[in-house]
Structures are given as C-alpha cells and as structure tokens.
C-alpha atoms as a PDB file:
ATOM      1  CA  MET A   1       0.000   0.000   0.000  1.00  0.00           C
ATOM      2  CA  GLN A   2       1.550   3.305  -1.099  1.00  0.00           C
ATOM      3  CA  GLU A   3       1.965   6.247   1.262  1.00  0.00           C
ATOM      4  CA  LEU A   4      -0.184   9.284   0.486  1.00  0.00           C
ATOM      5  CA  ARG A   5       2.087  11.867   2.094  1.00  0.00           C
ATOM      6  CA  TYR A   6       0.150  14.900   0.819  1.00  0.00           C
ATOM      7  CA  LEU A   7      -3.038  13.530   2.386  1.00  0.00           C
ATOM      8  CA  SER A   8      -1.575  12.365   5.700  1.00  0.00           C
ATOM      9  CA  GLY A   9      -3.728  14.682   7.850  1.00  0.00           C
ATOM     10  CA  TYR A  10      -7.030  13.559   6.351  1.00  0.00           C
ATOM     11  CA  PRO A  11      -9.354  10.921   7.845  1.00  0.00           C
ATOM     12  CA  GLN A  12      -8.748   7.298   6.887  1.00  0.00           C
ATOM     13  CA  GLN A  13     -12.103   7.128   5.082  1.00  0.00           C
ATOM     14  CA  ILE A  14     -10.980   9.881   2.681  1.00  0.00           C
ATOM     15  CA  THR A  15      -7.531   8.402   2.095  1.00  0.00           C
ATOM     16  CA  GLU A  16      -9.045   4.987   1.392  1.00  0.00           C
ATOM     17  CA  GLN A  17     -11.329   6.527  -1.253  1.00  0.00           C
ATOM     18  CA  ILE A  18      -8.281   8.169  -2.852  1.00  0.00           C
ATOM     19  CA  ARG A  19      -6.323   4.899  -2.756  1.00  0.00           C
ATOM     20  CA  GLN A  20      -9.208   3.144  -4.496  1.00  0.00           C
ATOM     21  CA  LEU A  21      -9.397   5.902  -7.108  1.00  0.00           C
ATOM     22  CA  ILE A  22      -5.658   5.513  -7.772  1.00  0.00           C
ATOM     23  CA  GLU A  23      -5.924   1.709  -8.040  1.00  0.00           C
ATOM     24  CA  GLU A  24      -8.814   2.039 -10.505  1.00  0.00           C
ATOM     25  CA  GLN A  25      -6.759   4.595 -12.479  1.00  0.00           C
ATOM     26  CA  GLY A  26      -9.458   7.231 -12.045  1.00  0.00           C
ATOM     27  CA  LEU A  27      -7.523  10.044 -10.358  1.00  0.00           C
ATOM     28  CA  SER A  28      -6.362  11.520 -13.674  1.00  0.00           C
ATOM     29  CA  SER A  29      -9.880  11.763 -15.072  1.00  0.00           C
ATOM     30  CA  VAL A  30     -11.230  13.325 -11.854  1.00  0.00           C
ATOM     31  CA  LEU A  31      -8.543  16.012 -11.914  1.00  0.00           C
ATOM     32  CA  LEU A  32      -8.790  16.642 -15.663  1.00  0.00           C
ATOM     33  CA  ARG A  33     -12.567  17.025 -15.439  1.00  0.00           C
ATOM     34  CA  LYS A  34     -12.201  19.777 -12.817  1.00  0.00           C
ATOM     35  CA  TYR A  35      -8.954  21.311 -14.130  1.00  0.00           C
ATOM     36  CA  PRO A  36      -8.649  20.581 -17.866  1.00  0.00           C
ATOM     37  CA  VAL A  37      -5.701  22.893 -18.639  1.00  0.00           C
ATOM     38  CA  SER A  38      -2.508  24.276 -17.183  1.00  0.00           C
ATOM     39  CA  HIS A  39      -1.946  28.019 -16.782  1.00  0.00           C
ATOM     40  CA  GLU A  40       0.316  30.247 -18.912  1.00  0.00           C
ATOM     41  CA  ILE A  41       2.225  31.975 -16.075  1.00  0.00           C
ATOM     42  CA  LYS A  42       5.612  30.418 -16.791  1.00  0.00           C
ATOM     43  CA  THR A  43       8.146  33.186 -16.060  1.00  0.00           C
ATOM     44  CA  ASP A  44       9.124  34.863 -12.804  1.00  0.00           C
ATOM     45  CA  LYS A  45       8.036  38.240 -14.239  1.00  0.00           C
ATOM     46  CA  ALA A  46       4.572  36.900 -15.100  1.00  0.00           C
ATOM     47  CA  LEU A  47       4.344  35.329 -11.616  1.00  0.00           C
ATOM     48  CA  TYR A  48       5.349  38.637 -10.010  1.00  0.00           C
ATOM     49  CA  ASP A  49       2.708  40.528 -12.029  1.00  0.00           C
ATOM     50  CA  PHE A  50       0.037  37.931 -11.152  1.00  0.00           C
ATOM     51  CA  THR A  51       0.915  38.106  -7.445  1.00  0.00           C
ATOM     52  CA  VAL A  52       1.033  41.911  -7.297  1.00  0.00           C
ATOM     53  CA  GLU A  53      -2.352  42.082  -9.034  1.00  0.00           C
ATOM     54  CA  LEU A  54      -3.861  39.818  -6.354  1.00  0.00           C
ATOM     55  CA  LYS A  55      -2.115  41.773  -3.595  1.00  0.00           C
ATOM     56  CA  ASN A  56      -3.445  45.061  -4.938  1.00  0.00           C
ATOM     57  CA  GLN A  57      -6.933  43.638  -5.161  1.00  0.00           C
ATOM     58  CA  PHE A  58      -7.097  42.347  -1.572  1.00  0.00           C
ATOM     59  CA  LEU A  59      -4.165  43.737   0.439  1.00  0.00           C
ATOM     60  CA  ARG A  60      -3.559  47.243  -0.868  1.00  0.00           C
ATOM     61  CA  LYS A  61      -2.160  48.537   2.415  1.00  0.00           C
ATOM     62  CA  ALA A  62       0.193  45.599   3.024  1.00  0.00           C
ATOM     63  CA  ASN A  63       3.918  46.039   2.560  1.00  0.00           C
ATOM     64  CA  PRO A  64       5.163  45.903  -1.037  1.00  0.00           C
ATOM     65  CA  LEU A  65       6.718  42.749  -2.473  1.00  0.00           C
ATOM     66  CA  SER A  66      10.377  42.860  -3.451  1.00  0.00           C
ATOM     67  CA  LYS A  67      10.504  39.567  -5.291  1.00  0.00           C
ATOM     68  CA  VAL A  68       8.212  36.781  -6.445  1.00  0.00           C
ATOM     69  CA  VAL A  69       9.837  33.791  -8.159  1.00  0.00           C
ATOM     70  CA  TYR A  70       9.467  30.119  -8.941  1.00  0.00           C
ATOM     71  CA  ASP A  71      11.960  28.110  -6.912  1.00  0.00           C
ATOM     72  CA  SER A  72      12.938  24.571  -7.900  1.00  0.00           C
ATOM     73  CA  LYS A  73      14.573  23.865  -4.510  1.00  0.00           C
ATOM     74  CA  ILE A  74      11.669  24.879  -2.308  1.00  0.00           C
ATOM     75  CA  ASP A  75      10.054  21.431  -1.935  1.00  0.00           C
ATOM     76  CA  VAL A  76      13.308  19.667  -1.172  1.00  0.00           C
ATOM     77  CA  ILE A  77      14.744  22.187   1.290  1.00  0.00           C
ATOM     78  CA  HIS A  78      11.701  23.506   3.127  1.00  0.00           C
ATOM     79  CA  HIS A  79       9.144  20.709   2.683  1.00  0.00           C
ATOM     80  CA  ALA A  80       6.793  23.423   1.466  1.00  0.00           C
ATOM     81  CA  LEU A  81       5.017  24.489  -1.698  1.00  0.00           C
ATOM     82  CA  GLY A  82       5.488  28.204  -1.249  1.00  0.00           C
ATOM     83  CA  LEU A  83       7.538  30.392   1.032  1.00  0.00           C
ATOM     84  CA  HIS A  84       7.134  33.933   2.305  1.00  0.00           C
ATOM     85  CA  SER A  85      10.386  35.531   3.478  1.00  0.00           C
ATOM     86  CA  PHE A  86      10.740  38.675   5.492  1.00  0.00           C
ATOM     87  CA  ILE A  87      14.255  40.083   5.319  1.00  0.00           C
ATOM     88  CA  SER A  88      15.423  43.040   7.384  1.00  0.00           C
ATOM     89  CA  ARG A  89      18.671  44.813   6.581  1.00  0.00           C
ATOM     90  CA  VAL A  90      20.329  47.892   7.989  1.00  0.00           C
ATOM     91  CA  GLN A  91      21.231  50.300   5.204  1.00  0.00           C
ATOM     92  CA  GLY A  92      22.861  53.458   6.450  1.00  0.00           C
ATOM     93  CA  GLY A  93      20.956  54.450   9.534  1.00  0.00           C
ATOM     94  CA  LYS A  94      17.676  52.892   8.408  1.00  0.00           C
ATOM     95  CA  LEU A  95      16.157  49.469   8.703  1.00  0.00           C
ATOM     96  CA  LYS A  96      14.944  48.204   5.312  1.00  0.00           C
ATOM     97  CA  ALA A  97      12.406  45.391   5.115  1.00  0.00           C
ATOM     98  CA  LYS A  98      11.849  43.214   2.082  1.00  0.00           C
ATOM     99  CA  HIS A  99       9.114  40.692   1.464  1.00  0.00           C
ATOM    100  CA  GLU A 100       9.776  37.841  -0.947  1.00  0.00           C
ATOM    101  CA  ILE A 101       7.498  35.059  -2.113  1.00  0.00           C
ATOM    102  CA  ARG A 102       8.862  31.867  -3.588  1.00  0.00           C
ATOM    103  CA  VAL A 103       6.544  29.364  -5.242  1.00  0.00           C
ATOM    104  CA  GLY A 104       7.556  25.770  -5.884  1.00  0.00           C
ATOM    105  CA  SER A 105       8.419  25.291  -9.554  1.00  0.00           C
ATOM    106  CA  VAL A 106       6.032  22.321  -9.615  1.00  0.00           C
ATOM    107  CA  PHE A 107       3.311  24.962 -10.027  1.00  0.00           C
ATOM    108  CA  LYS A 108       4.662  26.152 -13.403  1.00  0.00           C
ATOM    109  CA  THR A 109       2.588  23.416 -15.037  1.00  0.00           C
ATOM    110  CA  ALA A 110      -0.285  23.245 -12.567  1.00  0.00           C
ATOM    111  CA  PRO A 111      -3.844  24.481 -13.077  1.00  0.00           C
ATOM    112  CA  LEU A 112      -4.287  28.222 -12.518  1.00  0.00           C
ATOM    113  CA  ALA A 113      -6.547  27.594  -9.513  1.00  0.00           C
ATOM    114  CA  PHE A 114      -3.714  25.804  -7.664  1.00  0.00           C
ATOM    115  CA  LEU A 115      -1.185  28.537  -8.437  1.00  0.00           C
ATOM    116  CA  ARG A 116      -3.676  31.135  -7.244  1.00  0.00           C
ATOM    117  CA  MET A 117      -4.308  29.165  -4.035  1.00  0.00           C
ATOM    118  CA  ILE A 118      -0.575  29.015  -3.245  1.00  0.00           C
ATOM    119  CA  VAL A 119      -0.126  32.730  -3.991  1.00  0.00           C
ATOM    120  CA  VAL A 120      -3.150  33.617  -1.835  1.00  0.00           C
ATOM    121  CA  HIS A 121      -1.671  31.529   0.994  1.00  0.00           C
ATOM    122  CA  GLU A 122       1.690  33.301   0.790  1.00  0.00           C
ATOM    123  CA  LEU A 123       0.066  36.735   0.481  1.00  0.00           C
ATOM    124  CA  ALA A 124      -1.947  36.046   3.640  1.00  0.00           C
ATOM    125  CA  HIS A 125       1.384  35.745   5.454  1.00  0.00           C
ATOM    126  CA  LEU A 126       1.922  39.468   4.793  1.00  0.00           C
ATOM    127  CA  LYS A 127      -0.835  40.098   7.354  1.00  0.00           C
ATOM    128  CA  ASP A 128      -0.566  37.055   9.612  1.00  0.00           C
ATOM    129  CA  LYS A 129       2.600  34.997  10.098  1.00  0.00           C
ATOM    130  CA  GLU A 130       0.865  32.087  11.872  1.00  0.00           C
ATOM    131  CA  HIS A 131      -1.543  29.504  10.460  1.00  0.00           C
ATOM    132  CA  ASN A 132      -4.437  30.460  12.705  1.00  0.00           C
ATOM    133  CA  LYS A 133      -8.137  31.158  12.338  1.00  0.00           C
ATOM    134  CA  ALA A 134      -7.588  34.757  11.150  1.00  0.00           C
ATOM    135  CA  PHE A 135      -5.035  33.571   8.596  1.00  0.00           C
ATOM    136  CA  TYR A 136      -7.420  31.053   7.033  1.00  0.00           C
ATOM    137  CA  ALA A 137     -10.280  33.572   7.136  1.00  0.00           C
ATOM    138  CA  LEU A 138      -8.110  35.932   5.074  1.00  0.00           C
ATOM    139  CA  CYS A 139      -7.282  33.098   2.652  1.00  0.00           C
ATOM    140  CA  GLU A 140     -11.015  32.395   2.240  1.00  0.00           C
ATOM    141  CA  HIS A 141     -11.685  36.102   1.724  1.00  0.00           C
ATOM    142  CA  MET A 142      -9.189  36.182  -1.157  1.00  0.00           C
ATOM    143  CA  GLU A 143     -10.207  32.770  -2.541  1.00  0.00           C
ATOM    144  CA  GLN A 144     -13.695  31.539  -1.594  1.00  0.00           C
ATOM    145  CA  ASP A 145     -12.954  27.896  -2.450  1.00  0.00           C
ATOM    146  CA  TYR A 146      -9.599  27.940  -0.631  1.00  0.00           C
ATOM    147  CA  HIS A 147     -10.068  24.731   1.351  1.00  0.00           C
ATOM    148  CA  GLN A 148     -11.469  22.746  -1.588  1.00  0.00           C
ATOM    149  CA  LEU A 149      -8.608  23.976  -3.772  1.00  0.00           C
ATOM    150  CA  GLU A 150      -6.106  22.967  -1.112  1.00  0.00           C
ATOM    151  CA  PHE A 151      -7.552  19.437  -1.054  1.00  0.00           C
ATOM    152  CA  ASP A 152      -7.634  19.218  -4.866  1.00  0.00           C
ATOM    153  CA  MET A 153      -4.059  20.514  -5.012  1.00  0.00           C
ATOM    154  CA  ARG A 154      -3.043  17.727  -2.631  1.00  0.00           C
ATOM    155  CA  LEU A 155      -4.687  15.247  -5.016  1.00  0.00           C
ATOM    156  CA  TYR A 156      -2.747  16.832  -7.887  1.00  0.00           C
ATOM    157  CA  LEU A 157       0.555  16.489  -5.973  1.00  0.00           C
ATOM    158  CA  THR A 158      -0.299  12.888  -5.136  1.00  0.00           C
ATOM    159  CA  HIS A 159      -0.911  12.301  -8.848  1.00  0.00           C
ATOM    160  CA  LEU A 160       2.459  13.829  -9.712  1.00  0.00           C
ATOM    161  CA  GLU A 161       4.245  11.689  -7.136  1.00  0.00           C
ATOM    162  CA  LEU A 162       2.587   8.335  -7.839  1.00  0.00           C
ATOM    163  CA  ILE A 163       1.455   8.518 -11.475  1.00  0.00           C
ATOM    164  CA  GLY A 164       3.306  11.409 -13.122  1.00  0.00           C
ATOM    165  CA  PRO A 165       2.451  14.705 -14.806  1.00  0.00           C
ATOM    166  CA  LEU A 166      -1.206  15.399 -15.531  1.00  0.00           C
ATOM    167  CA  TYR A 167      -0.612  17.509 -18.644  1.00  0.00           C
END
C-alpha cells in the first residue's frame, strides 16, 4: 500500500477513497474534469505581475513585495510548496524590510486555480505569520474555495508523485 504523504492529515475514510481511485486509475480523469488545462504563467516576471495584481486587489495597504519567483529547490529544502520571506537589513541608519514570495516550480505546469491558491496563501502571510483562524479567514476572503482547492491541489501532488504529470 503506497503512502499518500500529501493527504496524511485527512481521515482514513478519505484516504481509502483516494487509494481506491488511484488503483482504478481514475484520479487523472477526476482532476482533468475539474482542471482541464494548465496556466500560462511560466516566467518569474509573469508570476510577479500575477501576485502583485492579487495583492493590490485584496491587500492594498500591506507592505510591497520585493521579489516573487518560482523556486525549484523549495520542496526539497523547506518541505513546502510556497515560502514567504521577510528580510530586514540595515542600510545606512535605516532598517529596510523586504518581502519575498517563492513558489515551488512544480506549479509552473499546474492548473491556474492551484497557483492562485498558493499565492493567496503566501500573500496572507503578509498580514498574519501564523496559520491560525484569522489567517485562514483571510485566505477564504481572497479565494472563496480555498479549502477545496487545497484538497484538490493535494490530489494533484499525489498524482504527480505516484502517477506522473497530468498535462
């Protein structure tokens, strides 16, 4: 029986349904029915523009972003899918703060909804550093289907790990 590491926190009943779907080779069709195409945001510049547009729509007063990039090492090093960094440096007599968002490069070929969910998650860290109730309320404010997208994204990552690319 294969390990479903992206679904480890879910109830056994759910993981058993997913295992059965994988064994019956139905996971691909379920994902393709809901998410038939990949997005076109392939470059770091396009990702930055996409992220800033979302930030300006929902978090206008939050600190500006210095950098938004795809990072191929993020999954291996941090066991994460995205990363929000806050860097403080002393320049002259002033303290300069920079906010950077790094998104796992696995999302270069993912459905747009999954990329948006990861970006929304990292943007929410501009307001709240912890994964608490207020944090997830902000995520849901920016993306109404946040929790369903997170589950579907975990199915997508499981597909990548056990079966291979969807597109």
